């Protein structure tokens, strides 16, 4: 239990950076859906669909590889220096390629009139990649507070600059049209100001990481690097499944949407992109948990109770994400107001599907420890290829008929398949005593509560009555969890006292 307490503490601090920081960024959703048209919001979705895909190529799995080899090698500094120098070299090369083909990429993303969007995005990706190893060093040295502070600072700068570009700068340009600062204002940029705000935030982040970056020494271990690359490349490939399903579907939707015009296709992307935001709470928790869990799992692998600890962690994880699912879906009449464009509310029906999909992804991340610990990272790539194939096939076949609903179903099918394959394969290679029956019970009760609410809300339009039923159903679920897991939950740090 002490090991789980340590993981909970680290996850809490990484949650400050991932959940709080990105939740602050999430608050930009009502602001941007009010400032931008549905089509412009879709254009933003297309740009930010491509960025994670390219970022994965820039980092090529070296973050996970760094944590693996710092626990495997005696000289941590050698691993840090080799990893950092590798990333610096490849970042310069990849950025040059992006700049060289910026117009072609702009055409591919249907923003052909704004190749500067691609140029600015390339700079963002480069800066974020250069910050990767300093951030990893903070995580490996158990300094989550500084990590969290810098991540929050990044988001605050991003929010501040976004508000400045869309609310302050236009007024300044109108009141003083001949001033120097007014020359910065170009209304035709539209969504470009979102990208510029992100670029400024990434620059500030790298400046704050100078102490960690300055620790890099120009000492490169070729033999170690070759071993790390063999380990890391399958991880990069494995990451594409999640990225393709999480973001690339916007691009496929812009290609194959049944909408009649180019503007209408971008509006479809805008609706899907906005409603996807409502599944972000589970996504954020999964990300925060993953950042705390990855170094934790590697360190626990040397212990005798590793498998039992992994199984217990899974129980807590599933309880949390099931509760979060109900909080979002049962109170969707509240959450929908984060989207300030009522035209986008037509896509709310995809939210439960996307929430379950991201739950499957979170479970998959927990399960994936088997191939990382057993040096079978090729297995992760194989699973991802299967998931990616499912995504592409479903989107190709059904987007022309069902639009963004096909994207949501494809996301669920991909993550659900990856989760099941990883479980059955992993149990043969690295058996972990997961309590499948108990986990399945929590999940089925969650779906039952949602189904009852869904049927009720279809017949009752009185909002306050919906809230009452939603609260009763959530209370039923929580009481069931407390009855089954109350004694174990009491042992958790910080929050355990609330279960007594």
Protein backbone atom coordinates (compact mmCIF):
# COMPACT_ATOMS: atom_id res chain seq x y z
CA UNK A 1 0.00 0.00 0.00
CA UNK A 2 2.92 2.38 0.62
CA UNK A 3 3.91 1.98 -3.02
CA UNK A 4 0.38 2.84 -4.15
CA UNK A 5 0.44 5.85 -1.84
CA UNK A 6 3.60 7.04 -3.56
CA UNK A 7 1.97 6.60 -6.98
CA UNK A 8 -1.14 8.47 -5.79
CA UNK A 9 1.01 11.34 -4.55
CA UNK A 10 2.93 11.61 -7.82
CA UNK A 11 -0.25 11.29 -9.88
CA UNK A 12 -1.83 14.07 -7.80
CA UNK A 13 1.07 16.44 -8.57
CA UNK A 14 1.19 15.49 -12.22
CA UNK A 15 -2.56 16.00 -12.12
CA UNK A 16 -1.93 19.59 -11.10
CA UNK A 17 -0.02 20.04 -14.33
CA UNK A 18 -2.15 17.85 -16.58
CA UNK A 19 -5.65 18.15 -15.16
CA UNK A 20 -5.58 21.68 -13.73
CA UNK A 21 -3.43 23.14 -16.48
CA UNK A 22 -5.34 21.55 -19.33
CA UNK A 23 -8.62 22.25 -17.57
CA UNK A 24 -7.65 25.91 -17.61
CA UNK A 25 -7.00 25.47 -21.31
CA UNK A 26 -10.35 23.68 -21.51
CA UNK A 27 -11.93 26.90 -20.30
CA UNK A 28 -10.87 28.38 -23.64
CA UNK A 29 -13.51 26.18 -25.28
CA UNK A 30 -16.48 28.47 -24.49
CA UNK A 31 -14.34 31.49 -25.33
CA UNK A 32 -13.12 30.18 -28.69
CA UNK A 33 -16.49 28.69 -29.71
CA UNK A 34 -17.88 32.19 -29.14
CA UNK A 35 -15.04 34.02 -30.92
CA UNK A 36 -14.70 31.68 -33.92
CA UNK A 37 -17.24 30.50 -36.44
CA UNK A 38 -18.06 26.79 -36.60
CA UNK A 39 -15.96 26.48 -39.77
CA UNK A 40 -13.01 28.37 -38.24
CA UNK A 41 -13.20 26.15 -35.16
CA UNK A 42 -13.06 23.19 -37.51
CA UNK A 43 -10.01 24.67 -39.21
CA UNK A 44 -8.34 24.91 -35.80
CA UNK A 45 -9.24 21.26 -35.23
CA UNK A 46 -7.49 20.27 -38.46
CA UNK A 47 -4.26 22.07 -37.51
CA UNK A 48 -4.22 20.60 -34.01
CA UNK A 49 -5.07 17.16 -35.38
CA UNK A 50 -1.76 17.13 -37.24
CA UNK A 51 0.44 18.52 -34.45
CA UNK A 52 0.36 15.42 -32.14
CA UNK A 53 1.02 13.17 -35.14
CA UNK A 54 4.16 15.11 -36.07
CA UNK A 55 5.21 15.52 -32.42
CA UNK A 56 5.26 11.74 -32.07
CA UNK A 57 7.72 11.54 -34.96
CA UNK A 58 9.88 14.27 -33.42
CA UNK A 59 10.10 12.46 -30.05
CA UNK A 60 10.12 8.86 -31.48
CA UNK A 61 9.42 7.18 -28.15
CA UNK A 62 12.52 8.51 -26.39
CA UNK A 63 10.66 9.69 -23.30
CA UNK A 64 9.55 6.19 -22.30
CA UNK A 65 12.95 4.85 -23.37
CA UNK A 66 14.67 7.34 -21.08
CA UNK A 67 12.75 6.07 -18.04
CA UNK A 68 13.46 2.48 -18.99
CA UNK A 69 17.22 2.98 -19.33
CA UNK A 70 17.67 5.21 -16.29
CA UNK A 71 16.48 2.22 -14.25
CA UNK A 72 18.59 -0.20 -16.28
CA UNK A 73 21.91 1.66 -16.58
CA UNK A 74 24.19 2.68 -13.71
CA UNK A 75 24.99 6.11 -15.14
CA UNK A 76 21.81 8.22 -15.32
CA UNK A 77 23.67 11.22 -16.71
CA UNK A 78 24.96 9.20 -19.65
CA UNK A 79 21.40 8.20 -20.53
CA UNK A 80 20.18 11.79 -20.16
CA UNK A 81 22.97 13.25 -22.31
CA UNK A 82 22.61 10.65 -25.07
CA UNK A 83 18.82 10.99 -25.22
CA UNK A 84 18.89 14.80 -25.19
CA UNK A 85 21.56 15.10 -27.89
CA UNK A 86 19.70 12.65 -30.09
CA UNK A 87 16.50 14.69 -29.80
CA UNK A 88 18.25 18.01 -30.43
CA UNK A 89 19.85 16.72 -33.64
CA UNK A 90 16.71 15.16 -35.07
CA UNK A 91 14.58 18.18 -34.09
CA UNK A 92 16.72 20.48 -36.19
CA UNK A 93 16.49 18.09 -39.14
CA UNK A 94 12.74 17.48 -38.92
CA UNK A 95 11.95 21.19 -38.46
CA UNK A 96 13.91 22.03 -41.60
CA UNK A 97 11.84 19.46 -43.54
CA UNK A 98 8.55 20.91 -42.28
CA UNK A 99 9.59 24.41 -43.30
CA UNK A 100 10.65 23.17 -46.71
CA UNK A 101 7.28 21.53 -47.43
CA UNK A 102 5.01 23.94 -45.54
CA UNK A 103 2.81 24.77 -48.56
CA UNK A 104 2.27 21.13 -49.44
CA UNK A 105 1.32 20.36 -45.84
CA UNK A 106 -1.05 23.35 -45.80
CA UNK A 107 -2.75 21.96 -48.91
CA UNK A 108 -3.04 18.52 -47.28
CA UNK A 109 -4.73 20.06 -44.20
CA UNK A 110 -7.03 22.24 -46.34
CA UNK A 111 -5.52 25.51 -45.04
CA UNK A 112 -3.76 26.27 -48.31
CA UNK A 113 -4.24 30.03 -47.92
CA UNK A 114 -2.25 30.06 -44.68
CA UNK A 115 1.09 28.22 -45.03
CA UNK A 116 2.32 30.37 -42.12
CA UNK A 117 0.10 28.24 -39.86
CA UNK A 118 2.31 25.27 -40.72
CA UNK A 119 5.50 27.27 -40.14
CA UNK A 120 4.36 28.44 -36.70
CA UNK A 121 3.18 24.92 -35.82
CA UNK A 122 6.63 23.56 -36.78
CA UNK A 123 8.24 25.97 -34.32
CA UNK A 124 5.80 24.86 -31.59
CA UNK A 125 6.62 21.20 -32.17
CA UNK A 126 10.37 21.92 -32.15
CA UNK A 127 10.22 23.88 -28.89
CA UNK A 128 8.06 21.26 -27.19
CA UNK A 129 10.44 18.49 -28.28
CA UNK A 130 13.45 20.38 -26.93
CA UNK A 131 11.60 20.72 -23.61
CA UNK A 132 10.85 16.98 -23.47
CA UNK A 133 14.05 15.79 -21.80
CA UNK A 134 14.22 18.62 -19.23
CA UNK A 135 10.65 17.70 -18.24
CA UNK A 136 11.59 14.00 -18.13
CA UNK A 137 14.54 14.83 -15.89
CA UNK A 138 12.18 16.54 -13.45
CA UNK A 139 9.89 13.51 -13.43
CA UNK A 140 12.75 11.04 -12.98
CA UNK A 141 14.23 13.10 -10.13
CA UNK A 142 10.83 13.13 -8.36
CA UNK A 143 10.29 16.89 -8.71
CA UNK A 144 6.60 16.97 -9.63
CA UNK A 145 6.01 20.39 -8.05
CA UNK A 146 8.36 22.22 -10.37
CA UNK A 147 7.06 20.15 -13.27
CA UNK A 148 3.50 21.16 -12.40
CA UNK A 149 4.39 24.83 -11.95
CA UNK A 150 5.97 25.11 -15.39
CA UNK A 151 3.09 23.26 -17.06
CA UNK A 152 0.57 25.57 -15.42
CA UNK A 153 2.64 28.60 -16.42
CA UNK A 154 2.55 27.38 -20.01
CA UNK A 155 -1.24 27.24 -20.02
CA UNK A 156 -1.63 30.60 -18.27
CA UNK A 157 0.58 32.27 -20.88
CA UNK A 158 -1.35 30.51 -23.62
CA UNK A 159 -4.70 31.68 -22.24
CA UNK A 160 -3.44 35.20 -21.62
CA UNK A 161 -2.08 35.60 -25.14
CA UNK A 162 -5.23 34.10 -26.70
CA UNK A 163 -7.45 36.59 -24.87
CA UNK A 164 -5.04 39.39 -25.80
CA UNK A 165 -5.13 38.52 -29.51
CA UNK A 166 -8.91 38.14 -29.76
CA UNK A 167 -10.24 40.65 -27.21
CA UNK A 168 -7.57 43.26 -26.42
CA UNK A 169 -5.64 43.66 -29.67
CA UNK A 170 -8.69 44.41 -31.87
CA UNK A 171 -9.77 47.22 -29.52
CA UNK A 172 -6.25 48.64 -29.44
CA UNK A 173 -6.06 48.54 -33.22
CA UNK A 174 -9.45 50.26 -33.49
CA UNK A 175 -8.61 52.99 -30.98
CA UNK A 176 -5.04 53.63 -32.23
CA UNK A 177 -4.93 52.44 -35.86
CA UNK A 178 -1.57 54.08 -36.54
CA UNK A 179 0.23 52.64 -33.50
CA UNK A 180 2.99 50.04 -33.70
CA UNK A 181 0.99 47.42 -31.82
CA UNK A 182 -1.98 47.94 -34.14
CA UNK A 183 0.20 46.70 -36.99
CA UNK A 184 0.15 43.27 -35.34
CA UNK A 185 -3.59 42.94 -35.88
CA UNK A 186 -4.66 41.09 -39.02
CA UNK A 187 -8.32 39.99 -38.85
CA UNK A 188 -7.81 37.61 -41.78
CA UNK A 189 -5.55 35.42 -39.63
CA UNK A 190 -8.56 34.09 -37.74
CA UNK A 191 -7.49 30.87 -36.03
CA UNK A 192 -3.84 31.82 -36.58
CA UNK A 193 -3.85 33.77 -33.34
CA UNK A 194 -4.54 30.54 -31.43
CA UNK A 195 -1.36 29.10 -32.95
CA UNK A 196 0.67 32.23 -32.18
CA UNK A 197 -0.48 32.16 -28.54
CA UNK A 198 0.64 28.53 -28.34
CA UNK A 199 4.01 29.42 -29.88
CA UNK A 200 4.65 32.14 -27.31
CA UNK A 201 3.68 29.78 -24.46
CA UNK A 202 6.05 27.08 -25.72
CA UNK A 203 8.88 29.61 -25.91
CA UNK A 204 8.30 30.71 -22.31
CA UNK A 205 8.23 27.06 -21.18
CA UNK A 206 11.63 26.32 -22.68
CA UNK A 207 13.08 29.41 -21.00
CA UNK A 208 11.79 28.19 -17.62
CA UNK A 209 13.53 24.86 -18.22
CA UNK A 210 16.97 26.38 -18.82
CA UNK A 211 18.41 24.99 -15.52
CA UNK A 212 17.53 21.43 -16.58
CA UNK A 213 18.54 22.00 -20.19
CA UNK A 214 21.90 23.42 -19.16
CA UNK A 215 22.69 20.11 -17.42
CA UNK A 216 23.04 18.48 -20.84
CA UNK A 217 26.67 17.61 -21.58
CA UNK A 218 27.98 16.95 -25.09
CA UNK A 219 28.76 13.31 -24.37
CA UNK A 220 27.14 10.84 -26.72
CA UNK A 221 27.19 7.07 -26.18
CA UNK A 222 26.71 5.47 -29.62
CA UNK A 223 26.32 1.94 -28.30
CA UNK A 224 23.70 3.00 -25.76
CA UNK A 225 21.91 5.09 -28.40
CA UNK A 226 21.59 2.12 -30.75
CA UNK A 227 20.03 0.04 -27.97
CA UNK A 228 17.65 2.86 -27.08
CA UNK A 229 16.56 3.38 -30.69
CA UNK A 230 15.73 -0.32 -31.07
CA UNK A 231 13.61 -0.04 -27.93
CA UNK A 232 12.02 3.33 -28.76
CA UNK A 233 10.95 3.03 -32.40
CA UNK A 234 8.26 0.39 -31.74
CA UNK A 235 6.93 2.67 -28.99
CA UNK A 236 6.67 5.50 -31.52
CA UNK A 237 4.73 3.24 -33.87
CA UNK A 238 2.55 2.05 -31.00
CA UNK A 239 1.71 5.66 -30.14
CA UNK A 240 0.29 6.28 -33.60
CA UNK A 241 -2.83 4.23 -32.87
CA UNK A 242 -3.90 6.53 -30.07
CA UNK A 243 -2.93 9.64 -32.01
CA UNK A 244 -4.69 8.52 -35.19
CA UNK A 245 -7.85 7.80 -33.23
CA UNK A 246 -7.70 10.88 -31.05
CA UNK A 247 -6.89 13.47 -33.70
CA UNK A 248 -6.46 12.13 -37.24
CA UNK A 249 -10.17 11.43 -37.56
CA UNK A 250 -10.72 15.21 -37.92
CA UNK A 251 -8.63 15.12 -41.10
CA UNK A 252 -10.47 12.06 -42.42
CA UNK A 253 -13.78 13.76 -41.62
CA UNK A 254 -12.73 16.77 -43.69
CA UNK A 255 -11.98 14.41 -46.60
CA UNK A 256 -15.02 12.14 -46.54
CA UNK A 257 -17.79 14.07 -44.76
CA UNK A 258 -21.19 13.83 -46.53
CA UNK A 259 -21.49 17.63 -46.25
CA UNK A 260 -21.96 19.25 -49.66
CA UNK A 261 -19.49 22.17 -49.51
CA UNK A 262 -15.96 22.80 -48.24
CA UNK A 263 -17.28 25.18 -45.56
CA UNK A 264 -19.86 22.64 -44.44
CA UNK A 265 -17.17 19.96 -44.13
CA UNK A 266 -15.13 22.25 -41.86
CA UNK A 267 -18.29 22.93 -39.84
CA UNK A 268 -18.69 19.17 -39.34
CA UNK A 269 -15.12 19.07 -38.05
CA UNK A 270 -15.87 22.05 -35.79
CA UNK A 271 -18.92 20.33 -34.25
CA UNK A 272 -17.01 17.09 -33.70
CA UNK A 273 -13.99 18.92 -32.31
CA UNK A 274 -16.11 20.91 -29.82
CA UNK A 275 -18.11 17.92 -28.57
CA UNK A 276 -14.91 15.88 -28.25
CA UNK A 277 -13.86 18.41 -25.61
CA UNK A 278 -16.59 17.11 -23.32
CA UNK A 279 -14.77 13.79 -23.05
CA UNK A 280 -11.66 15.60 -21.89
CA UNK A 281 -12.05 14.97 -18.14
CA UNK A 282 -11.39 11.25 -18.51
CA UNK A 283 -8.69 11.96 -21.08
CA UNK A 284 -6.92 14.33 -18.68
CA UNK A 285 -7.04 11.88 -15.80
CA UNK A 286 -5.66 9.13 -18.04
CA UNK A 287 -2.80 11.39 -19.09
CA UNK A 288 -1.99 12.45 -15.53
CA UNK A 289 -2.16 8.86 -14.30
CA UNK A 290 0.04 7.66 -17.15
CA UNK A 291 2.75 10.22 -16.39
CA UNK A 292 2.86 9.19 -12.75
CA UNK A 293 2.45 5.48 -13.44
CA UNK A 294 5.08 4.96 -16.13
CA UNK A 295 8.18 5.60 -13.98
CA UNK A 296 6.38 3.98 -11.02
CA UNK A 297 5.69 0.73 -12.91
CA UNK A 298 9.29 0.41 -14.07
CA UNK A 299 10.61 0.91 -10.53
CA UNK A 300 8.11 -1.55 -9.02
CA UNK A 301 9.10 -4.24 -11.54
CA UNK A 302 12.05 -5.18 -9.32
CA UNK A 303 9.79 -5.92 -6.33
CA UNK A 304 8.25 -9.23 -5.37
CA UNK A 305 4.67 -7.91 -5.25
CA UNK A 306 4.76 -6.11 -8.60
CA UNK A 307 1.86 -7.98 -10.24
CA UNK A 308 -0.38 -7.62 -7.20
CA UNK A 309 0.32 -3.89 -7.04
CA UNK A 310 -0.47 -3.48 -10.74
CA UNK A 311 -3.80 -5.28 -10.27
CA UNK A 312 -4.74 -3.08 -7.30
CA UNK A 313 -3.87 0.06 -9.23
CA UNK A 314 -6.21 -1.09 -12.00
CA UNK A 315 -9.10 -1.37 -9.51
CA UNK A 316 -8.66 2.21 -8.34
CA UNK A 317 -8.25 3.42 -11.89
CA UNK A 318 -11.48 1.82 -13.14
CA UNK A 319 -13.48 3.08 -10.16
CA UNK A 320 -12.30 6.61 -10.87
CA UNK A 321 -13.00 6.67 -14.60
CA UNK A 322 -16.42 5.04 -14.21
CA UNK A 323 -17.41 7.74 -11.72
CA UNK A 324 -16.10 10.43 -14.05
CA UNK A 325 -18.16 8.99 -16.91
CA UNK A 326 -21.34 9.35 -14.87
CA UNK A 327 -20.48 12.86 -13.71
CA UNK A 328 -20.20 13.99 -17.33
CA UNK A 329 -23.06 12.06 -18.94
CA UNK A 330 -25.65 12.45 -16.18
CA UNK A 331 -25.09 16.21 -16.08
CA UNK A 332 -24.63 16.78 -19.81
CA UNK A 333 -27.21 19.62 -19.64
CA UNK A 334 -24.65 21.54 -17.59
CA UNK A 335 -21.50 20.53 -19.44
CA UNK A 336 -22.90 21.44 -22.85
CA UNK A 337 -22.76 25.13 -21.91
CA UNK A 338 -18.99 25.01 -22.19
CA UNK A 339 -19.74 25.08 -25.91
CA UNK A 340 -21.01 28.60 -26.47
CA UNK A 341 -22.16 27.92 -30.02
CA UNK A 342 -25.53 26.18 -29.82
CA UNK A 343 -25.15 24.94 -33.38
CA UNK A 344 -22.44 22.62 -32.08
CA UNK A 345 -24.81 21.01 -29.57
CA UNK A 346 -26.14 18.81 -32.36
CA UNK A 347 -23.09 16.60 -31.79
CA UNK A 348 -23.67 15.90 -28.08
CA UNK A 349 -24.85 12.36 -28.87
CA UNK A 350 -21.23 11.32 -29.51
CA UNK A 351 -20.04 12.28 -26.00
CA UNK A 352 -20.93 8.99 -24.19
CA UNK A 353 -19.33 6.98 -27.00
CA UNK A 354 -16.11 9.00 -26.79
CA UNK A 355 -16.05 8.77 -22.99
CA UNK A 356 -16.22 4.95 -23.08
CA UNK A 357 -13.58 4.95 -25.80
CA UNK A 358 -11.20 6.97 -23.65
CA UNK A 359 -11.91 4.69 -20.70
CA UNK A 360 -10.77 1.75 -22.85
CA UNK A 361 -7.66 3.71 -23.77
CA UNK A 362 -6.87 4.31 -20.11
CA UNK A 363 -7.23 0.62 -19.28
CA UNK A 364 -5.01 -0.18 -22.26
CA UNK A 365 -2.28 2.10 -20.90
CA UNK A 366 -2.43 0.18 -17.61
CA UNK A 367 -2.28 -3.16 -19.39
CA UNK A 368 0.57 -2.15 -21.68
CA UNK A 369 3.11 -2.47 -18.88
CA UNK A 370 3.54 -6.15 -19.78
CA UNK A 371 5.26 -5.51 -23.11
CA UNK A 372 7.32 -2.61 -21.77
CA UNK A 373 8.71 -4.67 -18.90
CA UNK A 374 9.28 -7.80 -20.97
CA UNK A 375 11.19 -5.91 -23.70
CA UNK A 376 8.48 -6.85 -26.21
CA UNK A 377 7.74 -3.35 -27.46
CA UNK A 378 7.07 -4.82 -30.92
CA UNK A 379 3.88 -6.22 -29.41
CA UNK A 380 2.68 -2.68 -28.74
CA UNK A 381 3.29 -1.81 -32.36
CA UNK A 382 1.36 -4.88 -33.53
CA UNK A 383 -1.63 -4.05 -31.33
CA UNK A 384 -1.59 -0.49 -32.56
CA UNK A 385 -1.49 -1.54 -36.21
CA UNK A 386 -4.64 -3.58 -35.59
CA UNK A 387 -6.35 -0.65 -33.84
CA UNK A 388 -5.28 1.81 -36.52
CA UNK A 389 -6.57 -0.51 -39.26
CA UNK A 390 -9.96 -0.69 -37.51
CA UNK A 391 -10.03 3.10 -37.27
CA UNK A 392 -9.20 3.65 -40.91
CA UNK A 393 -11.62 1.02 -42.21
CA UNK A 394 -14.59 2.21 -40.13
CA UNK A 395 -13.98 5.86 -40.97
CA UNK A 396 -13.49 5.13 -44.66
CA UNK A 397 -16.65 3.04 -44.92
CA UNK A 398 -19.02 5.01 -42.72
CA UNK A 399 -18.00 8.71 -42.62
CA UNK A 400 -19.63 9.28 -46.04
CA UNK A 401 -22.95 8.10 -44.52
CA UNK A 402 -22.84 8.99 -40.82
CA UNK A 403 -20.34 11.87 -40.60
CA UNK A 404 -18.77 12.48 -37.20
CA UNK A 405 -20.77 9.68 -35.54
CA UNK A 406 -18.64 7.25 -37.54
CA UNK A 407 -15.51 8.91 -36.09
CA UNK A 408 -16.78 8.37 -32.54
CA UNK A 409 -17.66 4.71 -33.16
CA UNK A 410 -14.29 4.14 -34.84
CA UNK A 411 -12.56 5.59 -31.77
CA UNK A 412 -14.43 3.19 -29.49
CA UNK A 413 -13.79 0.19 -31.76
CA UNK A 414 -10.07 0.95 -31.96
CA UNK A 415 -9.43 1.52 -28.25
CA UNK A 416 -11.74 -1.33 -27.22
CA UNK A 417 -9.92 -3.75 -29.53
CA UNK A 418 -6.50 -2.62 -28.33
CA UNK A 419 -7.57 -3.07 -24.72
CA UNK A 420 -8.87 -6.63 -25.24
CA UNK A 421 -5.93 -7.78 -27.34
CA UNK A 422 -3.43 -6.36 -24.85
CA UNK A 423 -5.18 -8.09 -21.94
CA UNK A 424 -5.31 -11.58 -23.44
CA UNK A 425 -1.83 -11.37 -24.93
CA UNK A 426 -0.32 -9.87 -21.80
CA UNK A 427 -1.75 -12.55 -19.53
CA UNK A 428 0.22 -15.15 -21.48
CA UNK A 429 3.52 -13.26 -21.29
CA UNK A 430 3.36 -11.39 -17.97
CA UNK A 431 0.35 -12.58 -15.92
CA UNK A 432 -1.20 -10.01 -13.61
CA UNK A 433 -4.11 -11.05 -11.32
CA UNK A 434 -6.57 -8.39 -12.47
CA UNK A 435 -9.99 -8.78 -10.87
CA UNK A 436 -11.89 -8.89 -14.15
CA UNK A 437 -15.21 -9.82 -12.54
CA UNK A 438 -15.14 -6.90 -10.13
CA UNK A 439 -14.01 -4.46 -12.82
CA UNK A 440 -16.75 -5.72 -15.16
CA UNK A 441 -19.35 -5.22 -12.42
CA UNK A 442 -18.34 -1.60 -11.92
CA UNK A 443 -18.49 -1.00 -15.67
CA UNK A 444 -21.87 -2.68 -16.22
CA UNK A 445 -23.45 -0.80 -13.31
CA UNK A 446 -22.11 2.44 -14.79
CA UNK A 447 -23.74 1.65 -18.15
CA UNK A 448 -26.99 0.66 -16.44
CA UNK A 449 -27.14 3.99 -14.56
CA UNK A 450 -26.52 5.87 -17.80
CA UNK A 451 -29.14 3.84 -19.69
CA UNK A 452 -31.77 4.58 -17.04
CA UNK A 453 -30.98 8.29 -17.26
CA UNK A 454 -30.97 8.22 -21.08
CA UNK A 455 -34.46 6.67 -21.22
CA UNK A 456 -35.77 9.05 -18.54
CA UNK A 457 -34.36 12.17 -20.23
CA UNK A 458 -35.97 11.19 -23.56
CA UNK A 459 -39.41 11.35 -21.96
CA UNK A 460 -38.93 14.17 -19.43
CA UNK A 461 -37.90 17.63 -20.62
CA UNK A 462 -38.02 19.33 -17.20
CA UNK A 463 -34.36 20.05 -16.46
CA UNK A 464 -34.55 20.08 -12.65
CA UNK A 465 -36.19 16.64 -12.68
CA UNK A 466 -33.33 15.36 -14.83
CA UNK A 467 -30.85 16.69 -12.26
CA UNK A 468 -32.68 14.92 -9.43
CA UNK A 469 -32.66 11.57 -11.23
CA UNK A 470 -29.02 12.07 -12.25
CA UNK A 471 -28.02 12.73 -8.64
CA UNK A 472 -29.90 9.66 -7.39
CA UNK A 473 -28.24 7.43 -9.98
CA UNK A 474 -24.77 8.82 -9.19
CA UNK A 475 -25.40 8.27 -5.47
CA UNK A 476 -26.44 4.65 -6.14
CA UNK A 477 -23.21 4.03 -8.00
CA UNK A 478 -21.00 5.67 -5.36
CA UNK A 479 -22.70 3.77 -2.53
CA UNK A 480 -22.20 0.49 -4.37
CA UNK A 481 -18.49 1.25 -4.79
CA UNK A 482 -18.16 2.17 -1.11
CA UNK A 483 -19.84 -1.07 -0.09
CA UNK A 484 -17.48 -3.14 -2.24
CA UNK A 485 -14.24 -1.18 -1.82
CA UNK A 486 -14.75 1.01 1.24
CA UNK A 487 -12.08 -0.59 3.44
CA UNK A 488 -9.44 -0.47 0.73
CA UNK A 489 -10.30 3.11 -0.23
CA UNK A 490 -9.80 4.18 3.38
CA UNK A 491 -6.11 3.26 3.08
CA UNK A 492 -5.46 5.73 0.27
CA UNK A 493 -3.41 8.84 1.15
CA UNK A 494 -5.10 12.25 1.42
CA UNK A 495 -8.54 11.14 0.20
CA UNK A 496 -8.75 7.99 2.32
CA UNK A 497 -10.18 9.85 5.34
CA UNK A 498 -13.28 10.79 3.33
CA UNK A 499 -14.24 7.13 2.92
CA UNK A 500 -14.30 6.39 6.62
